[in-house]
Each structure stands twice: as structure tokens, then as C-alpha cells.
């Protein structure tokens, strides 16, 4: 079986599952709240008003929703095989362990990118409603699409490490609660670290999304993006190693030791 076939089978499994509904509903929460929370027009240039409207919501999305989405989505992807008792069929199919995990990991990345796009669409729709209500021109922000594209790419890049960590937690656990609880606890640790102003928060995998919205780190974006990518590749490598170790004769030797 080719890798393309492995990847196509993953997307077929995802179709009409709870992961899709999670993506559609979670992306709608922030624009929905902002739509009803915005009760007065911005005094002055509406484009500046859009800056506050969009970036305020995007900060919450990048720091809260996107990291936790990776944790939940990776767990749900793995639970599809566990709930249907389909791991034996998957492992018996003519595809390598690496192709199996890589296809799932790429599917997770595609879901995250779609999550980002849907959030932006919902936000634009919310801005359109506000335009009609207050006679503003928030949608003039579309002329600044390179800036918005860069912000979205930074958000995705800064959470790539979290995707690898969430994927590893999901691979090594047959239980739904455990990886979600661990991922959520690690995110809460990040909040506590921010509260006490830990100086190395920009090295913590869950703290990296904070670097894209903080002026303190605005000149270190490339470093933090590379660090996040490194985290993601490292955790995927660990997940693959454990996956292979548990399903080959090496696992029996490992347990004996």
C-alpha cells in the first residue's frame, strides 16, 4: 500500500466523525462571543477598530483554542481505532508502521489548518454583521491579507510542537481521558508560569503560542518557530519509537529487562 493510500484512508475515517464537529463548533465560539460583546462602534478609523477586534480574538484562539484542539483532535484520531477495535486490521494491512503514524499525523495537521481557516471565515462573517449594524468598514482589513496570513502561519508554527506532544500522548494511551487530562494540565502549568513571570516561558512547548502575541518576543519569532518545529519532530519520533516497540518482538525483550 502506498503512502497516498494510507493518507486517503485516514481522511475517509475522519469524515463525519466527532473531530469535524469539534472543529466547526470550537472555531465558532470566539467570533460568536465577540459579535454579541461588541456593543458600540469604534471611535475613529474602523481599520484600527478591526485590529482590536481581530487580534484580541486571535490571541485567545492561538493561546487557548488551537493548543487544546491539537490535544483533543489527536486523541480522537487515535480513539477511532480503539473504539472500533480496528488496530489489528490496520496493523495487518500492507503498510509500514511509519506510514500509519505519519498519515495520522498529517491528517492532524490538515485538521488544524482547516480549523484556522474556519476561524478566520467565522471572524470575517462576524465582522460583516457588525459592519451592517454600526455602518463601519471592518472588512477593509482584507487589504492587509499578507499581515493576517503571517499571523496565522505564526500561530500554526508555534503550536506545531504541541501537536507532536498531543500526538505522542494519544499514541501511548488507549484511554481517552489520560492524554486529554495530561495535555490540559500541561497547559494549566503554562498559565501558572505566565502568572509568576517565569523567564523561560518561551522555551516551554505550551508557552510558544504566547510568543506570537507578546511584544517582548516579536524579534525572536523565527527562533521560536524553529523550536516548535523541533519539539514537534522530536515528539513524533518518540511516538513512532514507542509505537514500534510495543508491536514488535523487541517489546517482549524490553519487558524482560
Protein backbone atom coordinates (compact mmCIF):
# COMPACT_ATOMS: atom_id res chain seq x y z
CA UNK A 1 0.00 0.00 0.00
CA UNK A 2 1.40 3.42 -0.94
CA UNK A 3 1.58 6.30 1.50
CA UNK A 4 -1.02 8.19 -0.56
CA UNK A 5 -3.43 5.32 0.00
CA UNK A 6 -2.69 5.35 3.74
CA UNK A 7 -3.35 9.08 3.89
CA UNK A 8 -6.55 8.78 1.87
CA UNK A 9 -7.85 6.09 4.24
CA UNK A 10 -7.24 8.39 7.21
CA UNK A 11 -9.35 11.16 5.69
CA UNK A 12 -12.10 8.66 4.90
CA UNK A 13 -12.15 7.64 8.57
CA UNK A 14 -12.34 11.26 9.72
CA UNK A 15 -15.35 12.07 7.53
CA UNK A 16 -18.47 12.72 9.64
CA UNK A 17 -16.74 11.96 12.93
CA UNK A 18 -16.73 13.98 16.14
CA UNK A 19 -13.43 15.61 15.11
CA UNK A 20 -15.20 17.52 12.34
CA UNK A 21 -17.95 18.73 14.69
CA UNK A 22 -15.33 19.74 17.26
CA UNK A 23 -13.55 21.82 14.63
CA UNK A 24 -16.71 23.55 13.38
CA UNK A 25 -18.11 24.33 16.82
CA UNK A 26 -14.88 25.35 18.57
CA UNK A 27 -13.94 27.75 15.73
CA UNK A 28 -17.30 29.49 16.12
CA UNK A 29 -17.08 30.26 19.85
CA UNK A 30 -14.80 33.32 19.79
CA UNK A 31 -16.45 35.09 16.79
CA UNK A 32 -19.86 34.40 18.35
CA UNK A 33 -18.85 35.92 21.70
CA UNK A 34 -17.22 38.92 20.00
CA UNK A 35 -20.31 39.53 17.89
CA UNK A 36 -22.53 39.96 20.95
CA UNK A 37 -19.88 41.56 23.13
CA UNK A 38 -19.20 44.35 20.63
CA UNK A 39 -21.86 46.89 21.62
CA UNK A 40 -20.51 50.21 20.36
CA UNK A 41 -18.73 51.43 17.22
CA UNK A 42 -15.04 52.16 17.33
CA UNK A 43 -14.36 55.90 17.51
CA UNK A 44 -12.05 56.72 14.63
CA UNK A 45 -10.58 54.63 11.87
CA UNK A 46 -12.57 51.38 11.57
CA UNK A 47 -9.47 49.55 10.38
CA UNK A 48 -7.86 50.31 13.74
CA UNK A 49 -11.05 49.05 15.31
CA UNK A 50 -10.58 45.85 13.37
CA UNK A 51 -7.08 45.49 14.84
CA UNK A 52 -8.55 45.37 18.32
CA UNK A 53 -11.44 43.17 17.26
CA UNK A 54 -9.41 40.61 15.33
CA UNK A 55 -6.16 40.48 17.30
CA UNK A 56 -7.95 40.29 20.63
CA UNK A 57 -9.90 37.27 19.47
CA UNK A 58 -6.90 35.76 17.72
CA UNK A 59 -4.81 35.94 20.90
CA UNK A 60 -7.34 33.77 22.71
CA UNK A 61 -7.63 31.43 19.74
CA UNK A 62 -3.87 30.93 19.34
CA UNK A 63 -3.11 30.57 23.04
CA UNK A 64 -6.15 28.57 24.20
CA UNK A 65 -8.23 27.03 21.42
CA UNK A 66 -5.55 25.88 18.96
CA UNK A 67 -3.29 24.13 21.53
CA UNK A 68 -6.22 22.37 23.20
CA UNK A 69 -7.63 21.47 19.78
CA UNK A 70 -4.40 19.62 19.00
CA UNK A 71 -4.68 17.68 22.25
CA UNK A 72 -8.32 16.74 21.71
CA UNK A 73 -8.10 16.07 17.96
CA UNK A 74 -5.03 13.82 18.23
CA UNK A 75 -6.75 11.83 20.97
CA UNK A 76 -9.95 11.48 18.93
CA UNK A 77 -7.96 10.33 15.88
CA UNK A 78 -6.39 7.52 17.88
CA UNK A 79 -9.62 6.64 19.65
CA UNK A 80 -11.26 5.88 16.30
CA UNK A 81 -9.11 2.75 16.06
CA UNK A 82 -9.54 1.86 19.75
CA UNK A 83 -13.34 2.22 19.83
CA UNK A 84 -13.82 0.22 16.63
CA UNK A 85 -11.25 -2.36 17.74
CA UNK A 86 -9.59 -1.79 14.37
CA UNK A 87 -5.91 -1.69 15.31
CA UNK A 88 -5.47 -5.36 14.33
CA UNK A 89 -6.87 -4.67 10.88
CA UNK A 90 -4.72 -1.58 10.44
CA UNK A 91 -1.55 -3.37 11.52
CA UNK A 92 -2.37 -6.36 9.31
CA UNK A 93 -2.73 -4.14 6.23
CA UNK A 94 0.25 -3.91 3.81
CA UNK A 95 1.61 -0.61 5.14
CA UNK A 96 4.56 0.20 7.35
CA UNK A 97 4.27 1.47 10.92
CA UNK A 98 5.85 4.71 9.78
CA UNK A 99 3.21 5.23 7.09
CA UNK A 100 0.42 4.50 9.58
CA UNK A 101 1.60 7.10 12.08
CA UNK A 102 2.72 9.68 9.53
CA UNK A 103 -0.67 9.54 7.78
CA UNK A 104 -2.42 10.17 11.10
CA UNK A 105 -0.01 12.98 11.98
CA UNK A 106 -0.50 14.71 8.61
CA UNK A 107 -4.28 14.31 8.96
CA UNK A 108 -3.98 16.08 12.31
CA UNK A 109 -2.07 18.96 10.70
CA UNK A 110 -4.66 19.30 7.93
CA UNK A 111 -7.42 19.45 10.53
CA UNK A 112 -5.55 22.21 12.40
CA UNK A 113 -5.07 24.25 9.21
CA UNK A 114 -8.76 23.82 8.42
CA UNK A 115 -9.54 24.90 11.99
CA UNK A 116 -7.53 28.10 11.43
CA UNK A 117 -9.25 28.83 8.12
CA UNK A 118 -12.73 28.25 9.53
CA UNK A 119 -11.98 30.54 12.46
CA UNK A 120 -10.94 33.31 10.05
CA UNK A 121 -14.09 32.80 7.96
CA UNK A 122 -16.31 32.94 11.06
CA UNK A 123 -14.49 36.07 12.25
CA UNK A 124 -14.99 37.77 8.88
CA UNK A 125 -18.69 36.88 8.97
CA UNK A 126 -18.95 38.32 12.49
CA UNK A 127 -17.21 41.50 11.32
CA UNK A 128 -19.64 41.72 8.39
CA UNK A 129 -22.60 41.65 10.77
CA UNK A 130 -21.00 44.42 12.86
CA UNK A 131 -20.40 46.44 9.68
CA UNK A 132 -24.11 46.26 8.88
CA UNK A 133 -25.15 47.05 12.44
CA UNK A 134 -22.89 50.07 13.01
CA UNK A 135 -22.15 51.19 9.45
CA UNK A 136 -18.42 50.50 9.82
CA UNK A 137 -15.96 49.08 7.33
CA UNK A 138 -14.20 46.35 9.28
CA UNK A 139 -13.88 44.21 6.17
CA UNK A 140 -11.39 46.72 4.81
CA UNK A 141 -8.85 44.58 6.69
CA UNK A 142 -8.84 42.26 3.67
CA UNK A 143 -6.44 44.68 2.02
CA UNK A 144 -3.93 43.65 4.67
CA UNK A 145 -4.11 39.94 3.92
CA UNK A 146 -0.29 39.43 3.99
CA UNK A 147 -0.24 40.56 7.61
CA UNK A 148 -3.11 38.26 8.51
CA UNK A 149 -1.54 35.35 6.65
CA UNK A 150 1.71 35.85 8.56
CA UNK A 151 -0.15 35.91 11.88
CA UNK A 152 -1.94 32.67 11.03
CA UNK A 153 1.29 30.98 9.96
CA UNK A 154 2.97 32.06 13.18
CA UNK A 155 0.07 30.64 15.19
CA UNK A 156 0.26 27.32 13.39
CA UNK A 157 4.04 27.14 13.62
CA UNK A 158 4.12 27.98 17.32
CA UNK A 159 1.66 25.14 18.10
CA UNK A 160 3.36 22.51 15.91
CA UNK A 161 5.32 21.32 18.94
CA UNK A 162 2.08 20.92 20.89
CA UNK A 163 0.67 18.83 18.03
CA UNK A 164 3.62 16.45 18.36
CA UNK A 165 3.25 16.25 22.13
CA UNK A 166 -0.51 15.68 21.94
CA UNK A 167 0.02 13.05 19.24
CA UNK A 168 2.57 11.19 21.38
CA UNK A 169 0.26 11.23 24.41
CA UNK A 170 -2.57 9.87 22.27
CA UNK A 171 -0.41 7.13 20.73
CA UNK A 172 0.83 5.78 24.04
CA UNK A 173 -2.58 5.64 25.73
CA UNK A 174 -5.64 3.51 24.99
CA UNK A 175 -7.72 5.71 27.28
CA UNK A 176 -9.38 8.93 26.13
CA UNK A 177 -9.19 10.73 29.48
CA UNK A 178 -5.48 10.29 30.21
CA UNK A 179 -3.92 12.17 27.23
CA UNK A 180 -6.54 14.92 27.43
CA UNK A 181 -6.02 15.35 31.18
CA UNK A 182 -2.22 15.44 30.81
CA UNK A 183 -2.39 17.90 27.91
CA UNK A 184 -4.80 20.17 29.77
CA UNK A 185 -2.64 20.01 32.91
CA UNK A 186 0.47 21.00 30.93
CA UNK A 187 -1.47 23.95 29.50
CA UNK A 188 -2.52 24.99 33.03
CA UNK A 189 1.14 24.86 34.08
CA UNK A 190 1.81 27.37 31.30
CA UNK A 191 -0.81 29.71 32.76
CA UNK A 192 0.81 29.42 36.17
CA UNK A 193 4.24 30.07 34.66
CA UNK A 194 2.92 33.21 32.98
CA UNK A 195 1.36 34.35 36.25
CA UNK A 196 4.67 34.09 38.13
CA UNK A 197 6.52 35.52 35.10
CA UNK A 198 8.82 32.55 34.60
CA UNK A 199 11.73 33.87 32.47
CA UNK A 200 11.97 30.72 30.32
CA UNK A 201 8.31 30.52 29.33
CA UNK A 202 9.33 30.99 25.68
CA UNK A 203 11.13 27.61 25.81
CA UNK A 204 8.14 25.71 27.20
CA UNK A 205 6.21 23.93 24.47
CA UNK A 206 2.83 25.28 25.63
CA UNK A 207 4.29 28.74 26.11
CA UNK A 208 5.41 29.14 22.49
CA UNK A 209 1.99 30.37 21.23
CA UNK A 210 2.29 33.23 23.74
CA UNK A 211 5.42 34.48 21.96
CA UNK A 212 3.50 35.48 18.82
CA UNK A 213 1.20 37.86 20.73
CA UNK A 214 3.81 39.31 23.10
CA UNK A 215 5.80 42.37 22.07
CA UNK A 216 8.66 41.12 24.21
CA UNK A 217 9.34 38.30 21.72
CA UNK A 218 8.39 39.98 18.45
CA UNK A 219 12.02 39.92 17.22
CA UNK A 220 12.51 36.23 18.06
CA UNK A 221 9.68 34.69 16.04
CA UNK A 222 11.99 32.66 13.79
CA UNK A 223 13.78 31.13 16.78
CA UNK A 224 10.53 30.13 18.45
CA UNK A 225 9.08 28.75 15.22
CA UNK A 226 12.15 26.56 14.73
CA UNK A 227 11.99 25.48 18.37
CA UNK A 228 8.34 24.50 17.96
CA UNK A 229 9.10 22.51 14.81
CA UNK A 230 11.94 20.79 16.65
CA UNK A 231 9.60 19.88 19.50
CA UNK A 232 7.05 18.50 17.03
CA UNK A 233 9.58 16.34 15.20
CA UNK A 234 11.06 15.10 18.49
CA UNK A 235 7.70 14.06 19.97
CA UNK A 236 6.64 12.42 16.72
CA UNK A 237 9.91 10.46 16.73
CA UNK A 238 9.28 9.34 20.32
CA UNK A 239 5.71 8.35 19.42
CA UNK A 240 6.95 6.30 16.47
CA UNK A 241 9.64 4.60 18.58
CA UNK A 242 7.13 3.60 21.27
CA UNK A 243 4.57 2.50 18.66
CA UNK A 244 7.08 0.18 17.02
CA UNK A 245 8.49 -1.05 20.33
CA UNK A 246 5.05 -2.09 21.59
CA UNK A 247 4.18 -4.02 18.41
CA UNK A 248 7.36 -5.93 17.59
CA UNK A 249 9.27 -8.78 19.28
CA UNK A 250 11.51 -6.12 20.80
CA UNK A 251 8.71 -5.30 23.23
CA UNK A 252 8.97 -8.71 24.93
CA UNK A 253 12.73 -8.30 25.34
CA UNK A 254 12.19 -4.79 26.73
CA UNK A 255 9.69 -6.07 29.32
CA UNK A 256 12.03 -8.88 30.41
CA UNK A 257 14.73 -6.36 31.15
